[in-house]
């Protein structure tokens, strides 16, 4: 899934209007951070394209937009993703 597609998925999940783009750059920055974290955790290229990865990335974006750390749920999902 591309970063732009992930922005749309994040906005849908967060209940944000798709037409408002003032936060898109900030969201894309968080996407890149979360993806790098996931890749550094050893998640395969195949697994990063899965539905579980999409959900994990969206959760990670939300975590970083609302606090400076990842949630326990994110870490649990990341572990599952890395083991898939």
N, C-alpha and C. Protein backbone atom coordinates (compact mmCIF):
# COMPACT_ATOMS: atom_id res chain seq x y z
N UNK A 1 0.85 -1.17 0.00
CA UNK A 1 0.00 0.00 0.00
C UNK A 1 0.90 1.24 0.00
N UNK A 2 0.57 2.20 -0.83
CA UNK A 2 1.37 3.41 -0.91
C UNK A 2 1.12 4.31 0.30
N UNK A 3 2.01 5.27 0.50
CA UNK A 3 1.82 6.21 1.60
C UNK A 3 0.52 7.00 1.43
N UNK A 4 0.21 7.39 0.20
CA UNK A 4 -1.03 8.15 -0.05
C UNK A 4 -2.26 7.30 0.27
N UNK A 5 -2.21 6.01 -0.04
CA UNK A 5 -3.32 5.12 0.29
C UNK A 5 -3.44 4.95 1.80
N UNK A 6 -2.30 4.90 2.48
CA UNK A 6 -2.33 4.80 3.94
C UNK A 6 -2.89 6.07 4.58
N UNK A 7 -2.62 7.23 3.99
CA UNK A 7 -3.22 8.48 4.49
C UNK A 7 -4.73 8.37 4.43
N UNK A 8 -5.25 7.90 3.31
CA UNK A 8 -6.71 7.75 3.15
C UNK A 8 -7.25 6.76 4.18
N UNK A 9 -6.58 5.62 4.34
CA UNK A 9 -7.03 4.62 5.32
C UNK A 9 -6.99 5.17 6.74
N UNK A 10 -5.94 5.93 7.07
CA UNK A 10 -5.85 6.53 8.40
C UNK A 10 -7.01 7.51 8.62
N UNK A 11 -7.26 8.37 7.63
CA UNK A 11 -8.34 9.34 7.77
C UNK A 11 -9.69 8.66 7.95
N UNK A 12 -9.93 7.60 7.18
CA UNK A 12 -11.19 6.85 7.33
C UNK A 12 -11.31 6.29 8.75
N UNK A 13 -10.22 5.68 9.23
CA UNK A 13 -10.22 5.08 10.56
C UNK A 13 -10.43 6.13 11.65
N UNK A 14 -9.84 7.31 11.45
CA UNK A 14 -9.93 8.37 12.45
C UNK A 14 -11.20 9.21 12.30
N UNK A 15 -11.99 8.93 11.27
CA UNK A 15 -13.21 9.69 11.06
C UNK A 15 -12.96 11.10 10.54
N UNK A 16 -11.82 11.28 9.89
CA UNK A 16 -11.46 12.60 9.35
C UNK A 16 -12.00 12.74 7.92
N UNK A 17 -12.43 13.94 7.56
CA UNK A 17 -12.86 14.15 6.16
C UNK A 17 -11.68 13.93 5.21
N UNK A 18 -11.92 13.21 4.13
CA UNK A 18 -10.86 12.93 3.17
C UNK A 18 -10.43 14.16 2.40
N UNK A 19 -11.29 15.17 2.36
CA UNK A 19 -10.99 16.37 1.58
C UNK A 19 -10.09 17.36 2.30
N UNK A 20 -9.93 17.22 3.60
CA UNK A 20 -9.07 18.13 4.37
C UNK A 20 -7.65 17.59 4.32
N UNK A 21 -6.72 18.41 3.81
CA UNK A 21 -5.37 17.92 3.58
C UNK A 21 -4.30 18.62 4.42
N UNK A 22 -4.71 19.47 5.36
CA UNK A 22 -3.72 20.23 6.12
C UNK A 22 -2.84 19.37 7.02
N UNK A 23 -3.25 18.16 7.35
CA UNK A 23 -2.45 17.27 8.18
C UNK A 23 -1.74 16.17 7.38
N UNK A 24 -1.94 16.15 6.06
CA UNK A 24 -1.40 15.06 5.25
C UNK A 24 0.12 14.91 5.38
N UNK A 25 0.85 16.01 5.36
CA UNK A 25 2.31 15.93 5.47
C UNK A 25 2.73 15.36 6.83
N UNK A 26 2.04 15.76 7.87
CA UNK A 26 2.34 15.23 9.20
C UNK A 26 2.01 13.73 9.26
N UNK A 27 0.91 13.33 8.68
CA UNK A 27 0.52 11.91 8.65
C UNK A 27 1.55 11.11 7.85
N UNK A 28 1.97 11.62 6.70
CA UNK A 28 2.97 10.93 5.88
C UNK A 28 4.28 10.77 6.65
N UNK A 29 4.66 11.79 7.40
CA UNK A 29 5.86 11.68 8.23
C UNK A 29 5.75 10.55 9.25
N UNK A 30 4.58 10.43 9.86
CA UNK A 30 4.36 9.36 10.84
C UNK A 30 4.34 7.99 10.15
N UNK A 31 3.79 7.92 8.93
CA UNK A 31 3.78 6.67 8.17
C UNK A 31 5.21 6.21 7.94
N UNK A 32 6.07 7.11 7.50
CA UNK A 32 7.46 6.76 7.24
C UNK A 32 8.17 6.28 8.51
N UNK A 33 7.89 6.94 9.63
CA UNK A 33 8.48 6.54 10.91
C UNK A 33 8.01 5.15 11.31
N UNK A 34 6.71 4.91 11.22
CA UNK A 34 6.15 3.62 11.62
C UNK A 34 6.66 2.51 10.70
N UNK A 35 6.69 2.75 9.40
CA UNK A 35 7.19 1.74 8.47
C UNK A 35 8.65 1.40 8.76
N UNK A 36 9.46 2.41 9.01
CA UNK A 36 10.88 2.17 9.33
C UNK A 36 11.01 1.34 10.60
N UNK A 37 10.21 1.64 11.59
CA UNK A 37 10.22 0.89 12.85
C UNK A 37 9.85 -0.57 12.61
N UNK A 38 8.83 -0.77 11.80
CA UNK A 38 8.36 -2.12 11.49
C UNK A 38 9.42 -2.89 10.71
N UNK A 39 10.03 -2.27 9.73
CA UNK A 39 11.07 -2.93 8.94
C UNK A 39 12.27 -3.27 9.81
N UNK A 40 12.67 -2.34 10.68
CA UNK A 40 13.79 -2.59 11.58
C UNK A 40 13.49 -3.69 12.60
N UNK A 41 12.21 -3.96 12.81
CA UNK A 41 11.82 -5.05 13.72
C UNK A 41 11.89 -6.41 13.02
N UNK A 42 12.19 -6.40 11.72
CA UNK A 42 12.35 -7.65 11.00
C UNK A 42 11.15 -8.14 10.23
N UNK A 43 10.18 -7.27 10.03
CA UNK A 43 8.98 -7.66 9.27
C UNK A 43 9.36 -7.79 7.80
N UNK A 44 8.93 -8.88 7.18
CA UNK A 44 9.27 -9.14 5.77
C UNK A 44 8.50 -8.21 4.84
N UNK A 45 9.02 -8.09 3.61
CA UNK A 45 8.36 -7.25 2.60
C UNK A 45 6.95 -7.76 2.30
N UNK A 46 6.78 -9.07 2.32
CA UNK A 46 5.46 -9.66 2.07
C UNK A 46 4.49 -9.32 3.20
N UNK A 47 4.96 -9.46 4.42
CA UNK A 47 4.09 -9.21 5.58
C UNK A 47 3.69 -7.74 5.68
N UNK A 48 4.56 -6.83 5.24
CA UNK A 48 4.25 -5.40 5.37
C UNK A 48 3.13 -4.97 4.43
N UNK A 49 2.77 -5.84 3.48
CA UNK A 49 1.66 -5.55 2.57
C UNK A 49 0.35 -6.19 3.03
N UNK A 50 0.35 -6.85 4.18
CA UNK A 50 -0.84 -7.56 4.65
C UNK A 50 -1.83 -6.62 5.33
N UNK A 51 -3.04 -7.13 5.54
CA UNK A 51 -4.06 -6.36 6.26
C UNK A 51 -3.62 -6.08 7.70
N UNK A 52 -2.96 -7.05 8.32
CA UNK A 52 -2.46 -6.84 9.68
C UNK A 52 -1.45 -5.69 9.71
N UNK A 53 -0.61 -5.62 8.69
CA UNK A 53 0.37 -4.52 8.63
C UNK A 53 -0.33 -3.18 8.48
N UNK A 54 -1.35 -3.13 7.64
CA UNK A 54 -2.09 -1.88 7.46
C UNK A 54 -2.69 -1.42 8.79
N UNK A 55 -3.32 -2.34 9.51
CA UNK A 55 -3.88 -2.00 10.81
C UNK A 55 -2.82 -1.58 11.81
N UNK A 56 -1.68 -2.25 11.76
CA UNK A 56 -0.58 -1.92 12.67
C UNK A 56 -0.04 -0.54 12.36
N UNK A 57 0.14 -0.24 11.08
CA UNK A 57 0.65 1.07 10.67
C UNK A 57 -0.32 2.17 11.08
N UNK A 58 -1.61 1.96 10.86
CA UNK A 58 -2.62 2.95 11.24
C UNK A 58 -2.60 3.19 12.75
N UNK A 59 -2.51 2.11 13.52
CA UNK A 59 -2.43 2.26 14.97
C UNK A 59 -1.17 3.02 15.37
N UNK A 60 -0.05 2.70 14.73
CA UNK A 60 1.19 3.40 15.03
C UNK A 60 1.12 4.89 14.71
N UNK A 61 0.49 5.22 13.58
CA UNK A 61 0.30 6.64 13.23
C UNK A 61 -0.49 7.34 14.32
N UNK A 62 -1.58 6.72 14.72
CA UNK A 62 -2.43 7.29 15.76
C UNK A 62 -1.65 7.47 17.07
N UNK A 63 -0.87 6.46 17.43
CA UNK A 63 -0.06 6.56 18.65
C UNK A 63 0.87 7.76 18.59
N UNK A 64 1.58 7.92 17.47
CA UNK A 64 2.57 8.99 17.36
C UNK A 64 1.94 10.38 17.23
N UNK A 65 0.75 10.43 16.67
CA UNK A 65 0.07 11.73 16.59
C UNK A 65 -0.47 12.17 17.95
N UNK A 66 -0.74 11.19 18.82
CA UNK A 66 -1.36 11.51 20.11
C UNK A 66 -0.43 11.38 21.30
N UNK A 67 0.74 10.80 21.12
CA UNK A 67 1.72 10.70 22.20
C UNK A 67 3.09 10.49 21.56
N UNK A 68 4.10 10.38 22.36
CA UNK A 68 5.45 10.24 21.81
C UNK A 68 5.93 8.79 21.83
N UNK A 69 5.05 7.86 22.19
CA UNK A 69 5.45 6.46 22.25
C UNK A 69 4.40 5.58 21.60
N UNK A 70 4.82 4.37 21.26
CA UNK A 70 3.88 3.38 20.73
C UNK A 70 3.15 2.71 21.88
N UNK A 71 1.91 2.35 21.64
CA UNK A 71 1.09 1.69 22.65
C UNK A 71 1.47 0.22 22.79
N UNK A 72 1.02 -0.38 23.87
CA UNK A 72 1.22 -1.81 24.08
C UNK A 72 0.53 -2.61 22.99
N UNK A 73 -0.64 -2.16 22.56
CA UNK A 73 -1.36 -2.85 21.49
C UNK A 73 -0.54 -2.82 20.20
N UNK A 74 0.06 -1.66 19.87
CA UNK A 74 0.90 -1.58 18.68
C UNK A 74 2.04 -2.59 18.78
N UNK A 75 2.71 -2.63 19.91
CA UNK A 75 3.85 -3.55 20.09
C UNK A 75 3.41 -5.01 19.96
N UNK A 76 2.21 -5.33 20.48
CA UNK A 76 1.68 -6.69 20.35
C UNK A 76 1.40 -7.02 18.89
N UNK A 77 0.78 -6.10 18.18
CA UNK A 77 0.49 -6.32 16.76
C UNK A 77 1.78 -6.43 15.96
N UNK A 78 2.78 -5.64 16.30
CA UNK A 78 4.07 -5.71 15.62
C UNK A 78 4.71 -7.08 15.82
N UNK A 79 4.63 -7.60 17.03
CA UNK A 79 5.17 -8.93 17.31
C UNK A 79 4.47 -9.99 16.46
N UNK A 80 3.15 -9.91 16.37
CA UNK A 80 2.40 -10.84 15.55
C UNK A 80 2.80 -10.72 14.08
N UNK A 81 2.98 -9.49 13.63
CA UNK A 81 3.36 -9.23 12.25
C UNK A 81 4.74 -9.79 11.95
N UNK A 82 5.67 -9.57 12.86
CA UNK A 82 7.05 -10.05 12.67
C UNK A 82 7.10 -11.59 12.67
N UNK A 83 6.17 -12.22 13.35
CA UNK A 83 6.15 -13.68 13.42
C UNK A 83 5.28 -14.33 12.34
N UNK A 84 4.70 -13.49 11.48
CA UNK A 84 3.81 -14.07 10.45
C UNK A 84 4.59 -14.46 9.20
